[in-house]
């Protein structure tokens, strides 16, 4: 779910940035960064939960 939220927020930023004159590629890089960050958090989450003593 978090990845979908990051993708949606990134695409909103991409369209808004493009409309305001920021380069479309630069705005798209922000979208990619958000999605990659969400995927990394999802991948590392179970390991961190185990290391911190969660169930």
N, C-alpha and C. Protein backbone atom coordinates (compact mmCIF):
# COMPACT_ATOMS: atom_id res chain seq x y z
N UNK A 1 0.83 -1.19 0.00
CA UNK A 1 0.00 0.00 0.00
C UNK A 1 0.87 1.26 0.00
N UNK A 2 1.96 1.21 0.75
CA UNK A 2 2.84 2.37 0.82
C UNK A 2 3.49 2.70 -0.52
N UNK A 3 3.78 1.66 -1.30
CA UNK A 3 4.39 1.88 -2.61
C UNK A 3 3.39 2.57 -3.54
N UNK A 4 2.14 2.17 -3.45
CA UNK A 4 1.09 2.80 -4.26
C UNK A 4 0.89 4.27 -3.88
N UNK A 5 0.95 4.56 -2.59
CA UNK A 5 0.83 5.95 -2.13
C UNK A 5 2.02 6.77 -2.62
N UNK A 6 3.22 6.20 -2.54
CA UNK A 6 4.41 6.90 -3.02
C UNK A 6 4.34 7.14 -4.52
N UNK A 7 3.84 6.16 -5.26
CA UNK A 7 3.71 6.32 -6.70
C UNK A 7 2.70 7.41 -7.04
N UNK A 8 1.57 7.41 -6.34
CA UNK A 8 0.55 8.42 -6.59
C UNK A 8 1.06 9.82 -6.26
N UNK A 9 1.71 9.96 -5.11
CA UNK A 9 2.25 11.27 -4.73
C UNK A 9 3.33 11.72 -5.72
N UNK A 10 4.15 10.80 -6.16
CA UNK A 10 5.18 11.14 -7.14
C UNK A 10 4.61 11.58 -8.47
N UNK A 11 3.56 10.90 -8.92
CA UNK A 11 2.95 11.28 -10.19
C UNK A 11 2.25 12.63 -10.08
N UNK A 12 1.65 12.90 -8.93
CA UNK A 12 1.05 14.23 -8.73
C UNK A 12 2.14 15.30 -8.78
N UNK A 13 3.27 15.03 -8.13
CA UNK A 13 4.39 15.98 -8.18
C UNK A 13 4.91 16.14 -9.60
N UNK A 14 4.98 15.04 -10.34
CA UNK A 14 5.48 15.08 -11.71
C UNK A 14 4.59 15.98 -12.58
N UNK A 15 3.29 15.81 -12.50
CA UNK A 15 2.38 16.62 -13.31
C UNK A 15 2.42 18.08 -12.87
N UNK A 16 2.46 18.31 -11.55
CA UNK A 16 2.51 19.68 -11.05
C UNK A 16 3.83 20.36 -11.42
N UNK A 17 4.92 19.66 -11.27
CA UNK A 17 6.21 20.22 -11.64
C UNK A 17 6.31 20.52 -13.12
N UNK A 18 5.76 19.65 -13.92
CA UNK A 18 5.78 19.85 -15.36
C UNK A 18 4.94 21.08 -15.73
N UNK A 19 3.81 21.26 -15.06
CA UNK A 19 2.96 22.41 -15.33
C UNK A 19 3.60 23.72 -14.87
N UNK A 20 4.42 23.67 -13.84
CA UNK A 20 5.05 24.87 -13.31
C UNK A 20 6.39 25.20 -13.97
N UNK A 21 6.80 24.40 -14.93
CA UNK A 21 8.00 24.72 -15.67
C UNK A 21 9.25 23.97 -15.25
N UNK A 22 9.14 23.10 -14.26
CA UNK A 22 10.27 22.23 -13.92
C UNK A 22 10.35 21.19 -15.02
N UNK A 23 11.54 20.79 -15.37
CA UNK A 23 11.68 19.81 -16.44
C UNK A 23 10.94 18.52 -16.12
N UNK A 24 10.34 17.94 -17.14
CA UNK A 24 9.56 16.73 -16.90
C UNK A 24 10.44 15.58 -16.42
N UNK A 25 11.66 15.50 -16.93
CA UNK A 25 12.57 14.43 -16.50
C UNK A 25 12.99 14.63 -15.05
N UNK A 26 13.26 15.86 -14.65
CA UNK A 26 13.63 16.14 -13.27
C UNK A 26 12.50 15.80 -12.31
N UNK A 27 11.29 16.13 -12.68
CA UNK A 27 10.15 15.80 -11.84
C UNK A 27 9.93 14.29 -11.78
N UNK A 28 10.18 13.62 -12.89
CA UNK A 28 10.02 12.16 -12.91
C UNK A 28 11.06 11.48 -12.03
N UNK A 29 12.25 12.07 -11.93
CA UNK A 29 13.27 11.51 -11.05
C UNK A 29 12.83 11.55 -9.59
N UNK A 30 12.09 12.56 -9.20
CA UNK A 30 11.53 12.61 -7.84
C UNK A 30 10.56 11.46 -7.64
N UNK A 31 9.74 11.17 -8.65
CA UNK A 31 8.80 10.05 -8.57
C UNK A 31 9.56 8.74 -8.40
N UNK A 32 10.60 8.55 -9.19
CA UNK A 32 11.40 7.33 -9.09
C UNK A 32 12.04 7.22 -7.71
N UNK A 33 12.56 8.32 -7.18
CA UNK A 33 13.18 8.30 -5.86
C UNK A 33 12.17 7.92 -4.78
N UNK A 34 10.96 8.45 -4.86
CA UNK A 34 9.93 8.10 -3.88
C UNK A 34 9.57 6.63 -3.94
N UNK A 35 9.42 6.10 -5.13
CA UNK A 35 9.03 4.68 -5.28
C UNK A 35 10.16 3.76 -4.82
N UNK A 36 11.39 4.08 -5.19
CA UNK A 36 12.52 3.26 -4.76
C UNK A 36 12.68 3.31 -3.24
N UNK A 37 12.48 4.48 -2.65
CA UNK A 37 12.54 4.59 -1.19
C UNK A 37 11.45 3.77 -0.51
N UNK A 38 10.25 3.78 -1.07
CA UNK A 38 9.15 2.98 -0.50
C UNK A 38 9.43 1.49 -0.65
N UNK A 39 9.98 1.09 -1.77
CA UNK A 39 10.32 -0.33 -1.96
C UNK A 39 11.44 -0.76 -1.02
N UNK A 40 12.42 0.10 -0.81
CA UNK A 40 13.51 -0.23 0.12
C UNK A 40 12.99 -0.34 1.55
N UNK A 41 12.10 0.55 1.94
CA UNK A 41 11.53 0.48 3.28
C UNK A 41 10.72 -0.79 3.46
N UNK A 42 9.99 -1.18 2.41
CA UNK A 42 9.20 -2.42 2.48
C UNK A 42 10.10 -3.65 2.57
N UNK A 43 11.23 -3.63 1.88
CA UNK A 43 12.14 -4.77 1.89
C UNK A 43 12.90 -4.88 3.20
N UNK A 44 13.27 -3.77 3.81
CA UNK A 44 14.09 -3.78 5.02
C UNK A 44 13.23 -3.85 6.29
N UNK A 45 11.95 -3.52 6.17
CA UNK A 45 11.05 -3.48 7.32
C UNK A 45 11.03 -4.75 8.17
N UNK A 46 10.83 -5.94 7.58
CA UNK A 46 10.80 -7.15 8.40
C UNK A 46 12.13 -7.42 9.13
N UNK A 47 13.24 -7.12 8.49
CA UNK A 47 14.54 -7.32 9.14
C UNK A 47 14.68 -6.40 10.35
N UNK A 48 14.33 -5.14 10.18
CA UNK A 48 14.42 -4.20 11.30
C UNK A 48 13.47 -4.57 12.44
N UNK A 49 12.29 -5.03 12.08
CA UNK A 49 11.33 -5.45 13.10
C UNK A 49 11.88 -6.62 13.91
N UNK A 50 12.52 -7.57 13.23
CA UNK A 50 13.11 -8.72 13.92
C UNK A 50 14.28 -8.28 14.80
N UNK A 51 15.11 -7.38 14.32
CA UNK A 51 16.27 -6.95 15.07
C UNK A 51 15.88 -6.12 16.29
N UNK A 52 14.77 -5.42 16.21
CA UNK A 52 14.34 -4.59 17.33
C UNK A 52 13.46 -5.35 18.31
N UNK A 53 13.26 -6.63 18.08
CA UNK A 53 12.53 -7.45 19.04
C UNK A 53 11.04 -7.49 18.83
N UNK A 54 10.57 -7.09 17.67
CA UNK A 54 9.15 -7.16 17.38
C UNK A 54 8.74 -8.59 17.08
N UNK A 55 7.47 -8.81 16.93
CA UNK A 55 6.99 -10.17 16.67
C UNK A 55 6.97 -10.48 15.21
